[in-house]
Amino acid sequence: ADFIKSDVEGFDLSVLRGAVPLLAERRIGL
């Protein structure tokens, strides 16, 4: 994914934590 946006009223850290495997594999641009 080239670009992901999270706007979930304070729960954004949870969204990020669910993406850690993808980040580790460089599968997200921004």
PDB file of all heavy atoms in Angstrom:
ATOM      1  N   ALA A   1       0.859  -1.191   0.000  1.00  0.00           N
ATOM      2  CA  ALA A   1       0.000   0.000   0.000  1.00  0.00           C
ATOM      3  C   ALA A   1       0.889   1.232   0.000  1.00  0.00           C
ATOM      4  O   ALA A   1       1.813   1.341   0.817  1.00  0.00           O
ATOM      5  CB  ALA A   1      -0.911   0.006   1.219  1.00  0.00           C
ATOM      6  N   ASP A   2       0.624   2.151  -0.906  1.00  0.00           N
ATOM      7  CA  ASP A   2       1.449   3.354  -1.007  1.00  0.00           C
ATOM      8  C   ASP A   2       1.160   4.340   0.117  1.00  0.00           C
ATOM      9  O   ASP A   2       2.063   5.020   0.605  1.00  0.00           O
ATOM     10  CB  ASP A   2       1.205   4.032  -2.354  1.00  0.00           C
ATOM     11  CG  ASP A   2       1.566   3.127  -3.513  1.00  0.00           C
ATOM     12  OD1 ASP A   2       2.765   2.834  -3.670  1.00  0.00           O
ATOM     13  OD2 ASP A   2       0.658   2.706  -4.249  1.00  0.00           O
ATOM     14  N   PHE A   3      -0.099   4.431   0.526  1.00  0.00           N
ATOM     15  CA  PHE A   3      -0.500   5.466   1.469  1.00  0.00           C
ATOM     16  C   PHE A   3      -1.648   4.939   2.324  1.00  0.00           C
ATOM     17  O   PHE A   3      -2.659   4.459   1.801  1.00  0.00           O
ATOM     18  CB  PHE A   3      -0.958   6.710   0.677  1.00  0.00           C
ATOM     19  CG  PHE A   3      -1.155   7.962   1.482  1.00  0.00           C
ATOM     20  CD1 PHE A   3      -0.578   8.130   2.731  1.00  0.00           C
ATOM     21  CD2 PHE A   3      -1.924   8.996   0.963  1.00  0.00           C
ATOM     22  CE1 PHE A   3      -0.757   9.303   3.444  1.00  0.00           C
ATOM     23  CE2 PHE A   3      -2.102  10.184   1.662  1.00  0.00           C
ATOM     24  CZ  PHE A   3      -1.517  10.330   2.917  1.00  0.00           C
ATOM     25  N   ILE A   4      -1.487   4.998   3.632  1.00  0.00           N
ATOM     26  CA  ILE A   4      -2.546   4.629   4.572  1.00  0.00           C
ATOM     27  C   ILE A   4      -2.806   5.821   5.482  1.00  0.00           C
ATOM     28  O   ILE A   4      -1.871   6.455   5.967  1.00  0.00           O
ATOM     29  CB  ILE A   4      -2.163   3.395   5.416  1.00  0.00           C
ATOM     30  CG1 ILE A   4      -2.005   2.173   4.521  1.00  0.00           C
ATOM     31  CG2 ILE A   4      -3.209   3.131   6.491  1.00  0.00           C
ATOM     32  CD1 ILE A   4      -1.571   0.919   5.268  1.00  0.00           C
ATOM     33  N   LYS A   5      -4.079   6.109   5.694  1.00  0.00           N
ATOM     34  CA  LYS A   5      -4.463   7.173   6.628  1.00  0.00           C
ATOM     35  C   LYS A   5      -5.323   6.589   7.739  1.00  0.00           C
ATOM     36  O   LYS A   5      -6.266   5.845   7.472  1.00  0.00           O
ATOM     37  CB  LYS A   5      -5.227   8.273   5.898  1.00  0.00           C
ATOM     38  CG  LYS A   5      -5.634   9.462   6.789  1.00  0.00           C
ATOM     39  CD  LYS A   5      -6.991   9.254   7.467  1.00  0.00           C
ATOM     40  CE  LYS A   5      -8.130   9.611   6.557  1.00  0.00           C
ATOM     41  NZ  LYS A   5      -9.475   9.396   7.231  1.00  0.00           N
ATOM     42  N   SER A   6      -5.010   6.936   8.976  1.00  0.00           N
ATOM     43  CA  SER A   6      -5.816   6.518  10.119  1.00  0.00           C
ATOM     44  C   SER A   6      -6.310   7.758  10.854  1.00  0.00           C
ATOM     45  O   SER A   6      -5.520   8.598  11.274  1.00  0.00           O
ATOM     46  CB  SER A   6      -4.989   5.641  11.072  1.00  0.00           C
ATOM     47  OG  SER A   6      -5.707   5.385  12.265  1.00  0.00           O
ATOM     48  N   ASP A   7      -7.635   7.847  11.014  1.00  0.00           N
ATOM     49  CA  ASP A   7      -8.267   8.923  11.775  1.00  0.00           C
ATOM     50  C   ASP A   7      -9.395   8.289  12.572  1.00  0.00           C
ATOM     51  O   ASP A   7     -10.546   8.272  12.157  1.00  0.00           O
ATOM     52  CB  ASP A   7      -8.794  10.002  10.817  1.00  0.00           C
ATOM     53  CG  ASP A   7      -9.476  11.150  11.552  1.00  0.00           C
ATOM     54  OD1 ASP A   7      -9.590  11.088  12.793  1.00  0.00           O
ATOM     55  OD2 ASP A   7      -9.899  12.109  10.884  1.00  0.00           O
ATOM     56  N   VAL A   8      -9.041   7.732  13.734  1.00  0.00           N
ATOM     57  CA  VAL A   8      -9.995   6.926  14.496  1.00  0.00           C
ATOM     58  C   VAL A   8     -10.138   7.423  15.934  1.00  0.00           C
ATOM     59  O   VAL A   8     -10.369   6.645  16.860  1.00  0.00           O
ATOM     60  CB  VAL A   8      -9.619   5.428  14.450  1.00  0.00           C
ATOM     61  CG1 VAL A   8      -9.864   4.863  13.059  1.00  0.00           C
ATOM     62  CG2 VAL A   8      -8.173   5.197  14.860  1.00  0.00           C
ATOM     63  N   GLU A   9      -9.981   8.715  16.122  1.00  0.00           N
ATOM     64  CA  GLU A   9     -10.297   9.370  17.393  1.00  0.00           C
ATOM     65  C   GLU A   9      -9.608   8.737  18.595  1.00  0.00           C
ATOM     66  O   GLU A   9     -10.233   8.348  19.566  1.00  0.00           O
ATOM     67  CB  GLU A   9     -11.815   9.381  17.592  1.00  0.00           C
ATOM     68  CG  GLU A   9     -12.591  10.016  16.460  1.00  0.00           C
ATOM     69  CD  GLU A   9     -12.149  11.446  16.183  1.00  0.00           C
ATOM     70  OE1 GLU A   9     -11.985  12.211  17.130  1.00  0.00           O
ATOM     71  OE2 GLU A   9     -11.947  11.774  14.987  1.00  0.00           O
ATOM     72  N   GLY A  10      -8.288   8.633  18.515  1.00  0.00           N
ATOM     73  CA  GLY A  10      -7.501   8.185  19.657  1.00  0.00           C
ATOM     74  C   GLY A  10      -7.099   6.728  19.641  1.00  0.00           C
ATOM     75  O   GLY A  10      -6.291   6.305  20.471  1.00  0.00           O
ATOM     76  N   PHE A  11      -7.633   5.941  18.712  1.00  0.00           N
ATOM     77  CA  PHE A  11      -7.313   4.512  18.642  1.00  0.00           C
ATOM     78  C   PHE A  11      -6.276   4.219  17.554  1.00  0.00           C
ATOM     79  O   PHE A  11      -6.104   3.077  17.142  1.00  0.00           O
ATOM     80  CB  PHE A  11      -8.583   3.702  18.387  1.00  0.00           C
ATOM     81  CG  PHE A  11      -9.502   3.638  19.579  1.00  0.00           C
ATOM     82  CD1 PHE A  11     -10.348   4.686  19.873  1.00  0.00           C
ATOM     83  CD2 PHE A  11      -9.498   2.533  20.424  1.00  0.00           C
ATOM     84  CE1 PHE A  11     -11.186   4.650  20.979  1.00  0.00           C
ATOM     85  CE2 PHE A  11     -10.334   2.471  21.521  1.00  0.00           C
ATOM     86  CZ  PHE A  11     -11.184   3.537  21.805  1.00  0.00           C
ATOM     87  N   ASP A  12      -5.592   5.256  17.093  1.00  0.00           N
ATOM     88  CA  ASP A  12      -4.653   5.110  15.976  1.00  0.00           C
ATOM     89  C   ASP A  12      -3.464   4.222  16.320  1.00  0.00           C
ATOM     90  O   ASP A  12      -2.945   3.517  15.453  1.00  0.00           O
ATOM     91  CB  ASP A  12      -4.164   6.493  15.534  1.00  0.00           C
ATOM     92  CG  ASP A  12      -5.325   7.416  15.224  1.00  0.00           C
ATOM     93  OD1 ASP A  12      -5.831   8.060  16.157  1.00  0.00           O
ATOM     94  OD2 ASP A  12      -5.739   7.481  14.057  1.00  0.00           O
ATOM     95  N   LEU A  13      -3.020   4.256  17.575  1.00  0.00           N
ATOM     96  CA  LEU A  13      -1.886   3.405  17.956  1.00  0.00           C
ATOM     97  C   LEU A  13      -2.247   1.938  17.793  1.00  0.00           C
ATOM     98  O   LEU A  13      -1.416   1.126  17.373  1.00  0.00           O
ATOM     99  CB  LEU A  13      -1.474   3.701  19.401  1.00  0.00           C
ATOM    100  CG  LEU A  13      -0.300   2.891  19.944  1.00  0.00           C
ATOM    101  CD1 LEU A  13       0.964   3.147  19.130  1.00  0.00           C
ATOM    102  CD2 LEU A  13      -0.052   3.232  21.417  1.00  0.00           C
ATOM    103  N   SER A  14      -3.500   1.591  18.088  1.00  0.00           N
ATOM    104  CA  SER A  14      -3.958   0.219  17.898  1.00  0.00           C
ATOM    105  C   SER A  14      -3.922  -0.172  16.424  1.00  0.00           C
ATOM    106  O   SER A  14      -3.531  -1.290  16.072  1.00  0.00           O
ATOM    107  CB  SER A  14      -5.379   0.073  18.456  1.00  0.00           C
ATOM    108  OG  SER A  14      -5.860  -1.245  18.275  1.00  0.00           O
ATOM    109  N   VAL A  15      -4.320   0.745  15.541  1.00  0.00           N
ATOM    110  CA  VAL A  15      -4.258   0.484  14.100  1.00  0.00           C
ATOM    111  C   VAL A  15      -2.808   0.244  13.680  1.00  0.00           C
ATOM    112  O   VAL A  15      -2.509  -0.685  12.913  1.00  0.00           O
ATOM    113  CB  VAL A  15      -4.861   1.659  13.311  1.00  0.00           C
ATOM    114  CG1 VAL A  15      -4.772   1.400  11.807  1.00  0.00           C
ATOM    115  CG2 VAL A  15      -6.315   1.899  13.715  1.00  0.00           C
ATOM    116  N   LEU A  16      -1.915   1.070  14.184  1.00  0.00           N
ATOM    117  CA  LEU A  16      -0.492   0.921  13.858  1.00  0.00           C
ATOM    118  C   LEU A  16       0.051  -0.420  14.335  1.00  0.00           C
ATOM    119  O   LEU A  16       0.808  -1.086  13.615  1.00  0.00           O
ATOM    120  CB  LEU A  16       0.304   2.055  14.504  1.00  0.00           C
ATOM    121  CG  LEU A  16       0.357   3.376  13.745  1.00  0.00           C
ATOM    122  CD1 LEU A  16       0.840   4.502  14.665  1.00  0.00           C
ATOM    123  CD2 LEU A  16       1.270   3.263  12.530  1.00  0.00           C
ATOM    124  N   ARG A  17      -0.320  -0.812  15.526  1.00  0.00           N
ATOM    125  CA  ARG A  17       0.180  -2.083  16.063  1.00  0.00           C
ATOM    126  C   ARG A  17      -0.289  -3.267  15.217  1.00  0.00           C
ATOM    127  O   ARG A  17       0.427  -4.251  15.066  1.00  0.00           O
ATOM    128  CB  ARG A  17      -0.263  -2.235  17.515  1.00  0.00           C
ATOM    129  CG  ARG A  17       0.540  -1.352  18.469  1.00  0.00           C
ATOM    130  CD  ARG A  17      -0.005  -1.388  19.881  1.00  0.00           C
ATOM    131  NE  ARG A  17       0.911  -0.709  20.807  1.00  0.00           N
ATOM    132  CZ  ARG A  17       0.562  -0.222  21.992  1.00  0.00           C
ATOM    133  NH1 ARG A  17      -0.707  -0.320  22.395  1.00  0.00           N
ATOM    134  NH2 ARG A  17       1.455   0.374  22.754  1.00  0.00           N
ATOM    135  N   GLY A  18      -1.473  -3.143  14.656  1.00  0.00           N
ATOM    136  CA  GLY A  18      -1.957  -4.202  13.780  1.00  0.00           C
ATOM    137  C   GLY A  18      -1.270  -4.234  12.434  1.00  0.00           C
ATOM    138  O   GLY A  18      -1.457  -5.175  11.655  1.00  0.00           O
ATOM    139  N   ALA A  19      -0.469  -3.209  12.164  1.00  0.00           N
ATOM    140  CA  ALA A  19       0.251  -3.132  10.878  1.00  0.00           C
ATOM    141  C   ALA A  19       1.739  -3.424  11.019  1.00  0.00           C
ATOM    142  O   ALA A  19       2.470  -3.366  10.017  1.00  0.00           O
ATOM    143  CB  ALA A  19       0.070  -1.742  10.271  1.00  0.00           C
ATOM    144  N   VAL A  20       2.214  -3.738  12.213  1.00  0.00           N
ATOM    145  CA  VAL A  20       3.650  -3.936  12.434  1.00  0.00           C
ATOM    146  C   VAL A  20       4.252  -4.989  11.498  1.00  0.00           C
ATOM    147  O   VAL A  20       5.334  -4.770  10.932  1.00  0.00           O
ATOM    148  CB  VAL A  20       3.935  -4.272  13.917  1.00  0.00           C
ATOM    149  CG1 VAL A  20       5.356  -4.802  14.086  1.00  0.00           C
ATOM    150  CG2 VAL A  20       3.738  -3.033  14.780  1.00  0.00           C
ATOM    151  N   PRO A  21       3.600  -6.146  11.293  1.00  0.00           N
ATOM    152  CA  PRO A  21       4.193  -7.119  10.357  1.00  0.00           C
ATOM    153  C   PRO A  21       4.370  -6.548   8.952  1.00  0.00           C
ATOM    154  O   PRO A  21       5.349  -6.856   8.268  1.00  0.00           O
ATOM    155  CB  PRO A  21       3.182  -8.281  10.363  1.00  0.00           C
ATOM    156  CG  PRO A  21       2.446  -8.141  11.646  1.00  0.00           C
ATOM    157  CD  PRO A  21       2.357  -6.671  11.905  1.00  0.00           C
ATOM    158  N   LEU A  22       3.451  -5.699   8.531  1.00  0.00           N
ATOM    159  CA  LEU A  22       3.544  -5.084   7.202  1.00  0.00           C
ATOM    160  C   LEU A  22       4.668  -4.060   7.156  1.00  0.00           C
ATOM    161  O   LEU A  22       5.409  -3.971   6.172  1.00  0.00           O
ATOM    162  CB  LEU A  22       2.218  -4.405   6.855  1.00  0.00           C
ATOM    163  CG  LEU A  22       0.972  -5.283   6.922  1.00  0.00           C
ATOM    164  CD1 LEU A  22      -0.284  -4.435   6.760  1.00  0.00           C
ATOM    165  CD2 LEU A  22       1.023  -6.377   5.860  1.00  0.00           C
ATOM    166  N   LEU A  23       4.788  -3.277   8.217  1.00  0.00           N
ATOM    167  CA  LEU A  23       5.871  -2.294   8.290  1.00  0.00           C
ATOM    168  C   LEU A  23       7.229  -2.985   8.284  1.00  0.00           C
ATOM    169  O   LEU A  23       8.172  -2.522   7.631  1.00  0.00           O
ATOM    170  CB  LEU A  23       5.714  -1.440   9.553  1.00  0.00           C
ATOM    171  CG  LEU A  23       4.463  -0.548   9.614  1.00  0.00           C
ATOM    172  CD1 LEU A  23       4.277   0.000  11.017  1.00  0.00           C
ATOM    173  CD2 LEU A  23       4.560   0.591   8.597  1.00  0.00           C
ATOM    174  N   ALA A  24       7.330  -4.078   9.010  1.00  0.00           N
ATOM    175  CA  ALA A  24       8.597  -4.808   9.069  1.00  0.00           C
ATOM    176  C   ALA A  24       8.994  -5.334   7.692  1.00  0.00           C
ATOM    177  O   ALA A  24      10.188  -5.457   7.385  1.00  0.00           O
ATOM    178  CB  ALA A  24       8.488  -5.956  10.071  1.00  0.00           C
ATOM    179  N   GLU A  25       8.004  -5.624   6.850  1.00  0.00           N
ATOM    180  CA  GLU A  25       8.266  -6.140   5.510  1.00  0.00           C
ATOM    181  C   GLU A  25       8.278  -5.032   4.454  1.00  0.00           C
ATOM    182  O   GLU A  25       8.293  -5.318   3.256  1.00  0.00           O
ATOM    183  CB  GLU A  25       7.212  -7.187   5.140  1.00  0.00           C
ATOM    184  CG  GLU A  25       7.269  -8.430   6.025  1.00  0.00           C
ATOM    185  CD  GLU A  25       6.119  -9.391   5.751  1.00  0.00           C
ATOM    186  OE1 GLU A  25       5.242  -9.039   4.920  1.00  0.00           O
ATOM    187  OE2 GLU A  25       6.105 -10.467   6.354  1.00  0.00           O
ATOM    188  N   ARG A  26       8.228  -3.762   4.909  1.00  0.00           N
ATOM    189  CA  ARG A  26       8.295  -2.599   4.018  1.00  0.00           C
ATOM    190  C   ARG A  26       7.129  -2.565   3.034  1.00  0.00           C
ATOM    191  O   ARG A  26       7.252  -2.051   1.919  1.00  0.00           O
ATOM    192  CB  ARG A  26       9.619  -2.585   3.248  1.00  0.00           C
ATOM    193  CG  ARG A  26      10.858  -2.625   4.113  1.00  0.00           C
ATOM    194  CD  ARG A  26      12.132  -2.775   3.271  1.00  0.00           C
ATOM    195  NE  ARG A  26      12.265  -1.682   2.332  1.00  0.00           N
ATOM    196  CZ  ARG A  26      12.863  -0.511   2.607  1.00  0.00           C
ATOM    197  NH1 ARG A  26      13.383  -0.314   3.795  1.00  0.00           N
ATOM    198  NH2 ARG A  26      12.941   0.440   1.692  1.00  0.00           N
ATOM    199  N   ARG A  27       5.964  -3.038   3.446  1.00  0.00           N
ATOM    200  CA  ARG A  27       4.822  -3.148   2.548  1.00  0.00           C
ATOM    201  C   ARG A  27       3.897  -1.931   2.613  1.00  0.00           C
ATOM    202  O   ARG A  27       2.844  -1.923   1.999  1.00  0.00           O
ATOM    203  CB  ARG A  27       4.050  -4.435   2.848  1.00  0.00           C
ATOM    204  CG  ARG A  27       4.868  -5.692   2.577  1.00  0.00           C
ATOM    205  CD  ARG A  27       4.122  -6.944   2.970  1.00  0.00           C
ATOM    206  NE  ARG A  27       2.944  -7.149   2.145  1.00  0.00           N
ATOM    207  CZ  ARG A  27       2.058  -8.129   2.374  1.00  0.00           C
ATOM    208  NH1 ARG A  27       2.245  -8.962   3.400  1.00  0.00           N
ATOM    209  NH2 ARG A  27       1.002  -8.261   1.586  1.00  0.00           N
ATOM    210  N   ILE A  28       4.308  -0.914   3.353  1.00  0.00           N
ATOM    211  CA  ILE A  28       3.561   0.338   3.438  1.00  0.00           C
ATOM    212  C   ILE A  28       4.522   1.476   3.121  1.00  0.00           C
ATOM    213  O   ILE A  28       5.621   1.535   3.669  1.00  0.00           O
ATOM    214  CB  ILE A  28       2.953   0.538   4.837  1.00  0.00           C
ATOM    215  CG1 ILE A  28       1.937  -0.579   5.143  1.00  0.00           C
ATOM    216  CG2 ILE A  28       2.293   1.910   4.959  1.00  0.00           C
ATOM    217  CD1 ILE A  28       1.442  -0.586   6.577  1.00  0.00           C
ATOM    218  N   GLY A  29       4.107   2.379   2.222  1.00  0.00           N
ATOM    219  CA  GLY A  29       4.955   3.522   1.892  1.00  0.00           C
ATOM    220  C   GLY A  29       4.876   4.596   2.953  1.00  0.00           C
ATOM    221  O   GLY A  29       5.852   4.875   3.653  1.00  0.00           O
ATOM    222  N   LEU A  30       3.689   5.187   3.114  1.00  0.00           N
ATOM    223  CA  LEU A  30       3.447   6.213   4.128  1.00  0.00           C
ATOM    224  C   LEU A  30       2.253   5.806   4.970  1.00  0.00           C
ATOM    225  O   LEU A  30       1.259   5.288   4.445  1.00  0.00           O
ATOM    226  CB  LEU A  30       3.133   7.565   3.479  1.00  0.00           C
ATOM    227  CG  LEU A  30       4.277   8.422   2.951  1.00  0.00           C
ATOM    228  CD1 LEU A  30       4.820   7.845   1.658  1.00  0.00           C
ATOM    229  CD2 LEU A  30       3.792   9.845   2.710  1.00  0.00           C
TER     230      LEU A  30
END
